[in-house]
Amino acid sequence: MKNSILTSGIFLFTALFSISCNGDKSSTREEIEDKTATEVPIQEEVDYLKKGKGIAMQTKGSLGKYLIAALSTLGPEGALGFCNTKAIPITDSMAKELSASIKRVSDKPRNPSNQAKESELAYIKQCKEWKVKGEILKPKLMDIDGKMVGYYPIITNQMCMQCHGSKEKDINATTLANINKLYPKDKATGYKTNEIRGLFVVGMNKK
């Protein structure tokens, strides 16, 4: 079982901690507000878009490393504890190291604090429409309150199903009980593989 979990971790794009696997604890990360948000044409600020993608990928990689270790030793039930207590500190640490603001949001959050805002919800909706049409998902760049903010979609894979799939088919009883205990307002189940789970939102200071 442990070897199977480790193997599935290789295909990690979003991982179990995706978007909403944060506890109810407060975070020191900088919040990005929706007010005065305007979309920036990608061709005008492509460097910011690439920079934000790099930041999102580094953060995903750091979280993924610890998550896979937790899964291999504790299984999905124990890994929920990692998500609940460690995901935010690791994300905050990466934000400080990379001089950016980083958050994960969803239209179906596990933690209500990860609820996507208006412009984020609009982009998630757009991504879902692209998926239905079989079109390529394109990241989005916004100018929000003097910051360049990149939106990068997060897609579910097979490993995500252990905590975000069907309650009847994918999530075992012990894991589901832990989800209900740690996240009583959870909305983040019922996914299938290759669906839009949410976004990495990366805010960067203008140069």
Foldseek 3Di string as FASTA:
>chain_A
DLVVLLVQLVVDQQAQLHAALEFPDDAPFDDFDDPPKDFDPCVVPVVVQVLQVVLVVVLRVVVSVVLSVQCSVPNLQRSSVCSHPPSRVSQVVSCVVSVKGKHWAFCFHLAVVRHDDDVQVVLLVVQQVCVVVVHDRDKTWMCGPQWIKIKDWTFFALNNQCQQEDPVPRHDPSNVVSSCVRRVPGRRHHDDGGGTGGIMMIIHHDD
